[in-house]
């Protein structure tokens, strides 16, 4: 009954934020989930549905035969900024009398291609770069939207509007940079509070230019250096191209689901990109030529506001608890609840609940009066506690919470995960292992009572985060792309 009430609550919020049509589609998808599960449990059905049936549909006369590309109008300003950025031109970009550096573009992005009005485009971009309202009053159909965005610059309640890397979308054969065909059905490019989308857009724009397609039919593969596709959303099976393939895999939950292994066997990726390499290696088989590469989930230093000083909470308990894979966290909740009269403790299990959908500020109150924090406000909230703790889940994966807590300024207490070694962090130097306090409130109380003796852990974690987050996000990722493209393009110049 509790789970049903939660689903109704989510549908209500979806209807409010995304509309009735999107909510109805979500209901239909949910109702057909048993059929989807049946298909994914049988290799023959997988081959029939994703191979034969969907490809037969493409041969029907009324079916659209073209790949559906996500495109923006490429006016002169966007083209010139793309050329400046990807040609590694030295010096600064001239926007009238204003000089914009490569570091400015790396931090805040380029002009927003969605603005067809040149005055709007310049005003919004310059407002973002200077972080203040530089709207130039004029009359056009987009002026009101532009003025609204310009007015949000510099206000950190609207951090997600302070970046835009859509100028990287498109294909220009003359630019000395890797060219990617990015296959991702049902793509939304609207600015929102989803960290994965925001950080990913910046990371991808740093390393290469890309064409995004929602449907893959006739493609001139010679135009591209590599194909990027997602293991869980590719449309229908197609002949593997003769260019390198990067296959990205996130949540992996194995048997009885045979879908992921079927995709791996069919695609035979050159690079398998994942945030949980140990788990994918353990549960799935890869061909000998596939290189499995760690893809860390840093929120990026841009969205992180570390707080090492002002502490209003002794302990903050975080992490989703609604699904069955999170059952161990409920046990931790019950344990910590026994201490709530002795210490200032809060439980926050709703962050990220609608992060992909929410287009409002990074801090707001939901219909139940709970404060919901996203982006920088989430990291500030984490840092308002002396300690942040989260429990186990069924699979020991290196999720967002590890990175978020390490950069927050709180002392992290979290479960050990096999891939922690890839970050180079050490227990009692950067974090406290959960087994030290799990099922032992006497030991947990000891840490809470001796914060001054252990706050060096938080200081070390923030120092590590500052030194490693952007390097691993951008430089290491660019090196991977340069390797797969044979080092024929120069490194990005900042």
Protein backbone atom coordinates (compact mmCIF):
# COMPACT_ATOMS: atom_id res chain seq x y z
CA UNK A 1 0.00 0.00 0.00
CA UNK A 2 2.85 2.34 0.86
CA UNK A 3 4.55 1.63 -2.47
CA UNK A 4 1.25 2.30 -4.32
CA UNK A 5 0.84 5.66 -2.54
CA UNK A 6 4.37 6.59 -3.53
CA UNK A 7 3.66 5.81 -7.21
CA UNK A 8 0.52 7.97 -7.11
CA UNK A 9 2.54 10.80 -5.57
CA UNK A 10 5.17 10.54 -8.32
CA UNK A 11 2.47 10.58 -11.02
CA UNK A 12 0.91 13.72 -9.52
CA UNK A 13 4.26 15.52 -9.53
CA UNK A 14 4.94 14.32 -13.09
CA UNK A 15 1.56 15.65 -14.21
CA UNK A 16 2.33 19.01 -12.64
CA UNK A 17 5.83 19.31 -14.07
CA UNK A 18 5.63 17.46 -17.41
CA UNK A 19 1.95 17.51 -18.32
CA UNK A 20 -0.86 14.98 -18.70
CA UNK A 21 0.43 13.57 -22.00
CA UNK A 22 3.85 12.64 -20.56
CA UNK A 23 2.19 11.19 -17.46
CA UNK A 24 -0.18 9.06 -19.54
CA UNK A 25 2.79 7.74 -21.51
CA UNK A 26 4.50 6.83 -18.24
CA UNK A 27 1.41 4.86 -17.16
CA UNK A 28 1.30 2.98 -20.48
CA UNK A 29 4.99 2.08 -20.20
CA UNK A 30 4.39 0.81 -16.67
CA UNK A 31 1.43 -1.34 -17.76
CA UNK A 32 3.48 -2.96 -20.54
CA UNK A 33 6.43 -3.63 -18.23
CA UNK A 34 5.51 -7.33 -17.71
CA UNK A 35 5.75 -7.88 -21.49
CA UNK A 36 9.08 -6.06 -21.59
CA UNK A 37 10.42 -8.26 -18.78
CA UNK A 38 9.25 -11.37 -20.63
CA UNK A 39 11.13 -10.34 -23.79
CA UNK A 40 14.31 -9.52 -21.87
CA UNK A 41 14.41 -12.94 -20.26
CA UNK A 42 14.62 -14.84 -23.54
CA UNK A 43 17.36 -14.51 -26.17
CA UNK A 44 15.07 -15.68 -28.99
CA UNK A 45 12.45 -13.05 -28.11
CA UNK A 46 15.15 -10.38 -27.90
CA UNK A 47 16.39 -11.22 -31.38
CA UNK A 48 12.84 -11.38 -32.71
CA UNK A 49 11.65 -8.10 -31.18
CA UNK A 50 14.74 -5.84 -31.40
CA UNK A 51 16.10 -7.50 -34.51
CA UNK A 52 13.37 -8.75 -36.84
CA UNK A 53 10.16 -6.98 -35.73
CA UNK A 54 11.47 -3.42 -35.34
CA UNK A 55 13.51 -3.68 -38.56
CA UNK A 56 10.49 -5.05 -40.44
CA UNK A 57 8.58 -2.00 -39.25
CA UNK A 58 11.21 0.22 -40.92
CA UNK A 59 10.44 -1.38 -44.27
CA UNK A 60 6.78 -0.38 -44.17
CA UNK A 61 5.97 2.37 -46.73
CA UNK A 62 4.62 4.85 -44.15
CA UNK A 63 7.67 4.55 -41.89
CA UNK A 64 10.06 7.53 -41.76
CA UNK A 65 13.29 6.32 -43.38
CA UNK A 66 15.58 9.09 -42.21
CA UNK A 67 17.56 9.16 -39.01
CA UNK A 68 15.99 11.71 -36.69
CA UNK A 69 18.71 14.21 -35.80
CA UNK A 70 18.56 16.77 -33.01
CA UNK A 71 19.51 20.03 -34.70
CA UNK A 72 19.75 23.71 -33.84
CA UNK A 73 20.04 26.62 -36.21
CA UNK A 74 23.73 27.24 -36.80
CA UNK A 75 23.93 31.02 -37.16
CA UNK A 76 27.21 32.84 -37.60
CA UNK A 77 27.83 33.42 -33.89
CA UNK A 78 27.42 29.73 -33.04
CA UNK A 79 29.59 28.69 -35.98
CA UNK A 80 32.31 31.16 -35.05
CA UNK A 81 32.38 30.05 -31.41
CA UNK A 82 32.48 26.36 -32.45
CA UNK A 83 35.36 27.16 -34.78
CA UNK A 84 37.20 29.13 -32.08
CA UNK A 85 36.71 26.39 -29.46
CA UNK A 86 37.44 23.31 -31.54
CA UNK A 87 40.25 24.84 -33.61
CA UNK A 88 42.14 25.59 -30.39
CA UNK A 89 42.65 29.16 -31.55
CA UNK A 90 44.82 31.13 -29.16
CA UNK A 91 43.83 34.51 -27.81
CA UNK A 92 40.25 35.54 -27.07
CA UNK A 93 36.93 35.47 -28.83
CA UNK A 94 35.71 38.91 -29.83
CA UNK A 95 32.03 39.59 -29.12
CA UNK A 96 31.88 43.20 -30.23
CA UNK A 97 33.90 45.09 -27.65
CA UNK A 98 33.75 42.19 -25.21
CA UNK A 99 36.62 39.68 -24.99
CA UNK A 100 35.73 36.10 -24.06
CA UNK A 101 38.48 33.69 -23.03
CA UNK A 102 38.70 29.98 -23.59
CA UNK A 103 38.39 29.51 -19.83
CA UNK A 104 35.11 31.47 -19.94
CA UNK A 105 33.77 29.04 -22.53
CA UNK A 106 35.06 26.02 -20.60
CA UNK A 107 33.27 27.26 -17.47
CA UNK A 108 29.99 28.68 -18.80
CA UNK A 109 29.67 27.34 -22.33
CA UNK A 110 28.87 29.15 -25.54
CA UNK A 111 25.91 30.94 -27.13
CA UNK A 112 22.54 29.24 -26.84
CA UNK A 113 21.60 28.00 -30.35
CA UNK A 114 17.91 27.98 -29.42
CA UNK A 115 17.84 31.78 -29.68
CA UNK A 116 17.30 32.70 -33.31
CA UNK A 117 17.40 36.43 -32.46
CA UNK A 118 21.04 37.61 -32.57
CA UNK A 119 20.44 40.28 -29.93
CA UNK A 120 18.93 37.72 -27.53
CA UNK A 121 21.71 35.25 -28.19
CA UNK A 122 24.46 37.77 -27.46
CA UNK A 123 22.73 39.17 -24.35
CA UNK A 124 22.08 35.76 -22.81
CA UNK A 125 25.59 34.45 -23.52
CA UNK A 126 27.34 37.55 -22.20
CA UNK A 127 25.12 37.59 -19.10
CA UNK A 128 26.19 34.00 -18.42
CA UNK A 129 29.87 34.73 -18.96
CA UNK A 130 29.85 37.85 -16.74
CA UNK A 131 27.32 36.39 -14.27
CA UNK A 132 25.10 39.47 -14.23
CA UNK A 133 22.06 40.74 -16.08
CA UNK A 134 23.27 42.28 -19.35
CA UNK A 135 19.99 42.04 -21.25
CA UNK A 136 19.82 44.53 -24.11
CA UNK A 137 16.21 45.82 -24.31
CA UNK A 138 14.63 45.16 -27.70
CA UNK A 139 11.46 43.75 -29.21
CA UNK A 140 11.30 40.23 -30.62
CA UNK A 141 9.31 37.02 -29.97
CA UNK A 142 12.12 35.65 -27.74
CA UNK A 143 12.90 38.84 -25.81
CA UNK A 144 10.85 37.93 -22.72
CA UNK A 145 12.48 34.50 -22.41
CA UNK A 146 15.91 36.02 -22.92
CA UNK A 147 15.33 38.73 -20.31
CA UNK A 148 14.21 36.07 -17.84
CA UNK A 149 17.38 34.01 -18.35
CA UNK A 150 19.64 37.07 -18.20
CA UNK A 151 18.04 38.04 -14.89
CA UNK A 152 18.88 34.62 -13.38
CA UNK A 153 22.61 34.89 -14.03
CA UNK A 154 24.68 35.32 -10.89
CA UNK A 155 21.88 33.96 -8.68
CA UNK A 156 23.01 30.55 -7.47
CA UNK A 157 19.43 29.42 -6.98
CA UNK A 158 19.51 29.02 -10.77
CA UNK A 159 22.88 27.29 -11.19
CA UNK A 160 21.57 25.03 -13.96
CA UNK A 161 21.02 28.08 -16.19
CA UNK A 162 24.64 29.22 -15.81
CA UNK A 163 25.94 26.78 -18.43
CA UNK A 164 25.02 25.88 -21.99
CA UNK A 165 27.12 23.61 -24.18
CA UNK A 166 24.63 23.07 -27.01
CA UNK A 167 26.99 24.96 -29.34
CA UNK A 168 28.95 21.67 -29.51
CA UNK A 169 26.07 19.90 -31.27
CA UNK A 170 26.48 19.53 -35.00
CA UNK A 171 28.98 18.32 -37.55
CA UNK A 172 31.80 20.31 -39.12
CA UNK A 173 34.28 18.20 -41.07
CA UNK A 174 36.85 21.01 -41.17
CA UNK A 175 37.31 21.25 -37.40
CA UNK A 176 40.33 19.40 -35.93
CA UNK A 177 38.34 17.60 -33.26
CA UNK A 178 36.79 14.11 -32.86
CA UNK A 179 33.37 13.70 -34.48
CA UNK A 180 30.83 11.48 -32.78
CA UNK A 181 27.47 10.06 -33.79
CA UNK A 182 25.52 9.99 -30.53
CA UNK A 183 22.62 7.52 -30.56
CA UNK A 184 20.12 8.23 -27.82
CA UNK A 185 16.38 7.75 -28.48
CA UNK A 186 13.99 10.25 -26.87
CA UNK A 187 16.50 12.98 -26.14
CA UNK A 188 15.55 16.04 -24.11
CA UNK A 189 17.92 19.01 -24.27
CA UNK A 190 15.94 21.28 -21.95
CA UNK A 191 17.86 22.82 -19.09
CA UNK A 192 16.95 21.14 -15.81
CA UNK A 193 18.30 20.19 -12.40
CA UNK A 194 19.68 16.80 -13.47
CA UNK A 195 23.38 16.69 -12.62
CA UNK A 196 24.10 13.82 -14.98
CA UNK A 197 22.72 15.74 -17.94
CA UNK A 198 24.45 19.03 -17.04
CA UNK A 199 27.86 17.58 -16.22
CA UNK A 200 27.66 15.18 -19.16
CA UNK A 201 26.92 17.97 -21.66
CA UNK A 202 29.98 19.90 -20.54
CA UNK A 203 32.20 16.82 -20.51
CA UNK A 204 31.17 15.75 -24.00
CA UNK A 205 31.54 19.26 -25.42
CA UNK A 206 35.05 19.41 -24.02
CA UNK A 207 36.17 16.25 -25.81
CA UNK A 208 34.34 16.21 -29.16
CA UNK A 209 31.54 17.56 -31.35
CA UNK A 210 28.53 15.31 -31.85
CA UNK A 211 25.46 14.70 -33.92
CA UNK A 212 22.58 13.29 -31.87
CA UNK A 213 20.16 10.88 -33.51
CA UNK A 214 17.01 9.37 -32.06
CA UNK A 215 16.57 6.87 -34.92
CA UNK A 216 19.32 5.13 -36.79
CA UNK A 217 18.72 4.19 -40.41
CA UNK A 218 20.95 5.23 -43.33
CA UNK A 219 24.22 6.67 -41.99
CA UNK A 220 27.40 7.76 -43.74
CA UNK A 221 29.78 6.26 -41.18
CA UNK A 222 32.82 7.78 -42.90
CA UNK A 223 31.80 11.16 -41.52
CA UNK A 224 32.36 10.04 -37.94
CA UNK A 225 35.28 8.93 -35.82
CA UNK A 226 33.17 6.79 -33.48
CA UNK A 227 29.64 5.83 -32.45
CA UNK A 228 28.39 6.39 -28.90
CA UNK A 229 25.37 4.35 -27.81
CA UNK A 230 23.63 3.37 -24.59
CA UNK A 231 23.13 -0.24 -23.66
CA UNK A 232 19.55 0.30 -22.51
CA UNK A 233 18.21 2.55 -25.31
CA UNK A 234 19.22 2.17 -28.94
CA UNK A 235 15.94 1.58 -30.79
CA UNK A 236 16.41 -1.54 -32.92
CA UNK A 237 19.35 -3.78 -33.80
CA UNK A 238 21.43 -2.56 -36.74
CA UNK A 239 24.59 -3.81 -38.53
CA UNK A 240 27.66 -2.92 -36.51
CA UNK A 241 29.54 -0.05 -38.21
CA UNK A 242 33.23 -0.30 -39.16
CA UNK A 243 34.19 2.54 -36.80
CA UNK A 244 34.97 2.29 -33.07
CA UNK A 245 31.93 1.92 -30.81
CA UNK A 246 31.63 3.27 -27.28
CA UNK A 247 28.90 1.47 -25.37
CA UNK A 248 27.79 3.08 -22.10
CA UNK A 249 26.31 0.94 -19.34
CA UNK A 250 24.95 2.28 -16.06
CA UNK A 251 22.64 0.22 -13.81
CA UNK A 252 23.35 -3.42 -14.51
CA UNK A 253 20.94 -5.54 -12.40
CA UNK A 254 21.65 -9.02 -13.84
CA UNK A 255 19.70 -12.31 -14.28
CA UNK A 256 17.04 -13.20 -15.18
CA UNK A 257 17.49 -10.22 -17.54
CA UNK A 258 19.48 -11.35 -20.61
CA UNK A 259 19.07 -8.09 -22.47
CA UNK A 260 22.41 -6.48 -21.57
CA UNK A 261 24.46 -9.55 -22.46
CA UNK A 262 22.61 -9.77 -25.77
CA UNK A 263 23.52 -6.15 -26.56
CA UNK A 264 27.17 -6.67 -25.57
CA UNK A 265 27.44 -9.78 -27.76
CA UNK A 266 25.88 -7.98 -30.71
CA UNK A 267 27.72 -4.65 -30.47
CA UNK A 268 31.16 -6.00 -29.44
CA UNK A 269 32.15 -2.51 -28.26
CA UNK A 270 35.70 -1.22 -28.49
CA UNK A 271 35.11 0.73 -25.28
CA UNK A 272 32.64 -0.23 -22.59
CA UNK A 273 32.18 2.87 -20.46
CA UNK A 274 30.75 2.43 -16.98
CA UNK A 275 30.78 3.90 -13.49
CA UNK A 276 30.76 0.38 -12.00
CA UNK A 277 33.44 -1.62 -13.85
CA UNK A 278 33.84 -4.27 -11.14
CA UNK A 279 30.15 -5.14 -11.19
CA UNK A 280 29.89 -5.32 -14.98
CA UNK A 281 32.99 -7.54 -15.16
CA UNK A 282 31.55 -9.82 -12.49
CA UNK A 283 28.10 -10.27 -14.02
CA UNK A 284 28.72 -10.10 -17.80
CA UNK A 285 31.10 -11.51 -20.41
CA UNK A 286 33.02 -9.24 -22.78
CA UNK A 287 35.07 -10.04 -25.86
CA UNK A 288 38.84 -9.84 -25.51
CA UNK A 289 39.12 -6.69 -27.64
CA UNK A 290 36.68 -4.68 -25.46
CA UNK A 291 38.34 -2.23 -23.10
CA UNK A 292 36.30 -1.59 -19.95
CA UNK A 293 36.84 2.00 -18.83
CA UNK A 294 35.91 3.69 -15.55
CA UNK A 295 33.52 6.63 -16.00
CA UNK A 296 33.40 8.50 -12.64
CA UNK A 297 30.22 10.28 -11.54
CA UNK A 298 31.60 13.52 -10.13
CA UNK A 299 28.94 16.23 -9.92
CA UNK A 300 31.87 18.51 -10.98
CA UNK A 301 33.39 21.27 -8.91
CA UNK A 302 31.15 23.81 -10.67
CA UNK A 303 28.11 22.50 -8.80
CA UNK A 304 29.87 21.79 -5.51
CA UNK A 305 29.88 24.24 -2.60
CA UNK A 306 32.06 22.65 0.08
CA UNK A 307 31.30 23.70 3.66
CA UNK A 308 33.92 22.90 6.29
CA UNK A 309 32.87 25.42 8.94
CA UNK A 310 29.17 26.09 9.52
CA UNK A 311 27.54 22.95 10.95
CA UNK A 312 23.91 22.86 12.06
CA UNK A 313 23.53 19.05 12.11
CA UNK A 314 25.48 16.33 13.84
CA UNK A 315 24.44 13.67 11.34
CA UNK A 316 22.61 13.62 8.02
CA UNK A 317 21.27 10.29 6.71
CA UNK A 318 20.76 10.17 2.93
CA UNK A 319 20.04 7.72 0.11
CA UNK A 320 16.94 6.39 -1.62
CA UNK A 321 15.04 3.74 0.35
CA UNK A 322 11.93 3.09 -1.75
CA UNK A 323 13.06 0.19 -3.98
CA UNK A 324 13.82 -3.34 -2.82
CA UNK A 325 17.54 -2.98 -3.60
CA UNK A 326 17.76 -0.39 -0.79
CA UNK A 327 16.39 -2.57 2.05
CA UNK A 328 19.66 -2.49 4.07
CA UNK A 329 19.31 1.30 4.35
CA UNK A 330 16.03 0.90 6.20
CA UNK A 331 17.86 -1.08 8.87
CA UNK A 332 20.42 1.72 9.17
CA UNK A 333 17.57 4.24 9.50
CA UNK A 334 16.13 2.32 12.43
CA UNK A 335 19.53 2.17 14.08
CA UNK A 336 20.23 5.89 13.72
CA UNK A 337 16.70 6.82 14.85
CA UNK A 338 17.58 5.53 18.31
CA UNK A 339 20.02 8.45 18.67
CA UNK A 340 17.80 11.30 17.48
CA UNK A 341 17.10 12.58 21.01
CA UNK A 342 20.77 12.87 21.83
CA UNK A 343 22.03 14.47 18.58
CA UNK A 344 20.78 16.77 15.84
CA UNK A 345 19.95 14.26 13.12
CA UNK A 346 18.03 14.60 9.85
CA UNK A 347 16.93 12.04 7.27
CA UNK A 348 16.82 13.10 3.61
CA UNK A 349 15.64 10.42 1.22
CA UNK A 350 13.98 12.61 -1.43
CA UNK A 351 16.87 14.41 -3.12
CA UNK A 352 17.01 13.64 -6.80
CA UNK A 353 13.41 12.43 -6.71
CA UNK A 354 12.48 14.55 -9.73
CA UNK A 355 15.85 15.97 -10.66
CA UNK A 356 15.43 15.20 -14.34
CA UNK A 357 12.04 16.91 -14.50
CA UNK A 358 12.41 19.95 -12.30
CA UNK A 359 12.98 23.21 -14.21
CA UNK A 360 12.75 25.51 -11.21
CA UNK A 361 15.40 26.79 -8.80
CA UNK A 362 17.92 24.54 -7.06
CA UNK A 363 16.04 24.88 -3.76
CA UNK A 364 12.26 24.70 -3.29
CA UNK A 365 9.54 23.23 -1.09
CA UNK A 366 7.39 20.40 -2.36
CA UNK A 367 3.64 19.98 -1.80
CA UNK A 368 4.29 18.38 1.60
CA UNK A 369 6.43 21.28 2.80
CA UNK A 370 9.73 19.38 2.53
CA UNK A 371 12.70 21.37 1.30
CA UNK A 372 14.14 19.83 -1.85
CA UNK A 373 17.74 20.67 -2.71
CA UNK A 374 19.48 20.20 -6.05
CA UNK A 375 22.90 21.03 -7.50
CA UNK A 376 24.92 23.45 -5.35
CA UNK A 377 22.16 23.68 -2.73
CA UNK A 378 22.35 19.92 -2.25
CA UNK A 379 26.10 20.05 -1.62
CA UNK A 380 25.58 22.97 0.78
CA UNK A 381 22.98 20.93 2.63
CA UNK A 382 25.35 17.94 2.87
CA UNK A 383 28.07 20.25 4.16
CA UNK A 384 25.80 21.62 6.89
CA UNK A 385 26.28 18.33 8.76
CA UNK A 386 29.34 17.20 10.65
CA UNK A 387 28.82 13.66 9.34
CA UNK A 388 26.89 12.32 6.35
CA UNK A 389 26.02 8.63 6.29
CA UNK A 390 24.29 6.33 3.83
CA UNK A 391 23.71 2.59 3.95
CA UNK A 392 24.20 -0.34 1.67
CA UNK A 393 22.18 -1.43 -1.29
CA UNK A 394 21.88 -4.90 -2.76
CA UNK A 395 24.79 -4.28 -5.15
CA UNK A 396 27.91 -2.44 -3.88
CA UNK A 397 28.16 0.22 -6.61
CA UNK A 398 30.10 3.49 -6.62
CA UNK A 399 27.09 5.80 -6.94
CA UNK A 400 26.74 9.63 -7.01
CA UNK A 401 26.53 9.83 -3.22
CA UNK A 402 30.14 8.80 -2.77
CA UNK A 403 31.41 11.73 -4.81
CA UNK A 404 28.88 14.20 -3.40
CA UNK A 405 29.75 13.46 0.22
CA UNK A 406 33.49 13.53 -0.45
CA UNK A 407 33.22 17.05 -1.85
CA UNK A 408 30.70 18.44 0.63
CA UNK A 409 32.81 19.23 3.70
CA UNK A 410 31.06 16.66 5.88
CA UNK A 411 32.84 13.58 7.18
CA UNK A 412 31.60 10.76 4.91
CA UNK A 413 30.51 7.44 6.40
CA UNK A 414 29.68 5.02 3.63
CA UNK A 415 29.85 1.35 2.55
CA UNK A 416 33.00 0.04 0.94
CA UNK A 417 32.63 -0.63 -2.80
CA UNK A 418 35.05 -2.55 -5.05
CA UNK A 419 35.64 0.45 -7.32
CA UNK A 420 36.64 2.82 -4.51
CA UNK A 421 40.22 1.84 -5.29
CA UNK A 422 39.87 3.56 -8.68
CA UNK A 423 39.44 6.89 -6.89
CA UNK A 424 42.57 6.47 -4.79
CA UNK A 425 40.86 7.31 -1.50
CA UNK A 426 41.65 5.60 1.80
CA UNK A 427 39.63 4.75 4.93
CA UNK A 428 40.13 7.09 7.92
CA UNK A 429 41.96 9.47 5.60
CA UNK A 430 39.09 10.46 3.29
CA UNK A 431 36.11 8.59 4.75
CA UNK A 432 34.97 6.32 7.58
CA UNK A 433 33.92 2.81 6.51
CA UNK A 434 30.30 1.99 7.32
CA UNK A 435 31.19 -1.35 9.05
CA UNK A 436 32.82 0.71 11.82
CA UNK A 437 29.39 1.91 13.00
CA UNK A 438 26.86 -0.43 11.37
CA UNK A 439 24.79 -2.05 14.11
CA UNK A 440 26.90 -0.32 16.73
CA UNK A 441 25.44 2.94 18.09
CA UNK A 442 28.09 3.07 20.79
CA UNK A 443 30.79 3.39 18.11
CA UNK A 444 28.66 5.83 16.09
CA UNK A 445 28.19 7.98 19.19
CA UNK A 446 31.94 7.95 19.73
CA UNK A 447 32.52 9.49 16.31
CA UNK A 448 29.74 12.03 16.82
CA UNK A 449 31.14 13.03 20.22
CA UNK A 450 34.69 13.42 18.88
CA UNK A 451 34.05 15.45 15.72
CA UNK A 452 37.04 17.73 16.38
CA UNK A 453 39.34 14.71 16.42
CA UNK A 454 38.05 13.48 13.06
CA UNK A 455 37.26 16.62 11.08
CA UNK A 456 40.62 16.21 9.31
CA UNK A 457 38.86 13.45 7.32
CA UNK A 458 36.46 16.01 5.82
CA UNK A 459 39.34 18.38 5.08
CA UNK A 460 41.29 15.63 3.32
CA UNK A 461 38.21 14.61 1.33
CA UNK A 462 37.56 18.15 0.08
CA UNK A 463 41.22 18.59 -0.82
CA UNK A 464 41.16 15.33 -2.76
CA UNK A 465 37.93 16.37 -4.49
CA UNK A 466 39.35 19.72 -5.60
CA UNK A 467 42.49 18.10 -6.97
CA UNK A 468 40.81 15.22 -8.79
CA UNK A 469 37.22 15.95 -9.82
CA UNK A 470 37.75 18.13 -12.90
CA UNK A 471 40.90 16.26 -13.92
CA UNK A 472 39.05 12.95 -14.03
CA UNK A 473 35.95 14.50 -15.62
CA UNK A 474 37.68 16.32 -18.44
CA UNK A 475 41.37 15.54 -18.94
CA UNK A 476 41.13 11.79 -18.38
CA UNK A 477 37.98 11.59 -20.50
CA UNK A 478 39.57 13.57 -23.32
CA UNK A 479 42.59 11.26 -23.24
CA UNK A 480 40.25 8.28 -23.70
CA UNK A 481 38.64 9.90 -26.75
CA UNK A 482 42.03 10.82 -28.20
CA UNK A 483 43.16 7.21 -27.77
CA UNK A 484 40.12 5.75 -29.54
CA UNK A 485 40.56 8.23 -32.42
CA UNK A 486 44.25 7.41 -32.87
CA UNK A 487 45.58 10.69 -31.40
CA UNK A 488 44.97 12.45 -34.71
CA UNK A 489 43.48 15.52 -33.03
CA UNK A 490 45.22 17.97 -30.65
CA UNK A 491 44.42 18.27 -26.94
CA UNK A 492 41.97 20.95 -25.91
CA UNK A 493 43.64 24.26 -25.19
CA UNK A 494 42.27 26.19 -22.18
